[in-house]
């Protein structure tokens, strides 16, 4: 009886870990997509924005990207 209970507890933990891992992987994919969008936005800014506003846009993109990469590693 005791052994079966322990085994069930273990199986539940494994299931929870797998579920959590799936959620984290999905979140990382979302973050990756946002980073990709930021990169493509930065490319568009470089090619079309006036030089005066280009720099602040690029700095903003880089900051956001750095934050997202850091967030992704923490997850």
Protein backbone atom coordinates (compact mmCIF):
# COMPACT_ATOMS: atom_id res chain seq x y z
CA UNK A 1 0.00 0.00 0.00
CA UNK A 2 2.68 2.45 1.04
CA UNK A 3 4.82 1.62 -2.00
CA UNK A 4 1.90 2.22 -4.38
CA UNK A 5 1.24 5.60 -2.78
CA UNK A 6 4.91 6.56 -3.19
CA UNK A 7 4.82 5.43 -6.82
CA UNK A 8 1.72 7.55 -7.50
CA UNK A 9 3.36 10.58 -5.91
CA UNK A 10 6.41 10.07 -8.11
CA UNK A 11 4.31 9.73 -11.27
CA UNK A 12 2.40 12.89 -10.42
CA UNK A 13 5.66 14.80 -9.96
CA UNK A 14 6.97 13.58 -13.31
CA UNK A 15 3.73 14.64 -15.00
CA UNK A 16 3.86 18.09 -13.34
CA UNK A 17 7.48 18.53 -14.40
CA UNK A 18 6.65 17.58 -18.00
CA UNK A 19 3.69 19.98 -18.02
CA UNK A 20 5.81 22.79 -16.59
CA UNK A 21 8.55 22.09 -19.12
CA UNK A 22 6.04 22.23 -21.98
CA UNK A 23 4.71 25.58 -20.72
CA UNK A 24 8.21 27.01 -20.35
CA UNK A 25 9.16 25.82 -23.84
CA UNK A 26 6.03 27.48 -25.27
CA UNK A 27 6.86 30.71 -23.43
CA UNK A 28 10.42 30.62 -24.76
CA UNK A 29 9.11 30.19 -28.30
CA UNK A 30 6.87 33.23 -27.79
CA UNK A 31 9.82 35.26 -26.51
CA UNK A 32 11.93 34.07 -29.46
CA UNK A 33 9.20 35.26 -31.82
CA UNK A 34 9.09 38.68 -30.14
CA UNK A 35 12.89 38.93 -30.38
CA UNK A 36 12.67 38.02 -34.08
CA UNK A 37 10.01 40.71 -34.61
CA UNK A 38 12.19 43.27 -32.82
CA UNK A 39 15.11 42.36 -35.07
CA UNK A 40 13.05 42.76 -38.22
CA UNK A 41 11.60 46.03 -36.91
CA UNK A 42 15.13 47.26 -36.30
CA UNK A 43 16.02 46.41 -39.90
CA UNK A 44 13.00 48.36 -41.17
CA UNK A 45 13.93 51.34 -39.00
CA UNK A 46 17.48 51.28 -40.37
CA UNK A 47 16.28 51.24 -43.94
CA UNK A 48 13.40 53.74 -43.71
CA UNK A 49 13.42 55.96 -40.61
CA UNK A 50 14.99 59.44 -40.73
CA UNK A 51 18.53 59.50 -39.38
CA UNK A 52 17.59 61.80 -36.48
CA UNK A 53 15.11 59.32 -34.95
CA UNK A 54 16.92 56.17 -36.06
CA UNK A 55 19.36 56.10 -33.14
CA UNK A 56 16.76 56.26 -30.35
CA UNK A 57 14.65 53.56 -32.04
CA UNK A 58 17.65 51.27 -32.34
CA UNK A 59 18.64 51.86 -28.70
CA UNK A 60 15.06 51.03 -27.65
CA UNK A 61 15.08 47.83 -29.75
CA UNK A 62 18.41 46.76 -28.27
CA UNK A 63 17.21 47.36 -24.70
CA UNK A 64 14.04 45.37 -25.29
CA UNK A 65 16.01 42.60 -26.95
CA UNK A 66 18.50 42.43 -24.07
CA UNK A 67 15.64 42.27 -21.57
CA UNK A 68 13.89 39.51 -23.52
CA UNK A 69 17.06 37.43 -23.88
CA UNK A 70 17.70 37.79 -20.16
CA UNK A 71 14.07 36.87 -19.39
CA UNK A 72 14.33 33.84 -21.66
CA UNK A 73 17.44 32.56 -19.83
CA UNK A 74 15.76 33.00 -16.43
CA UNK A 75 12.75 30.93 -17.44
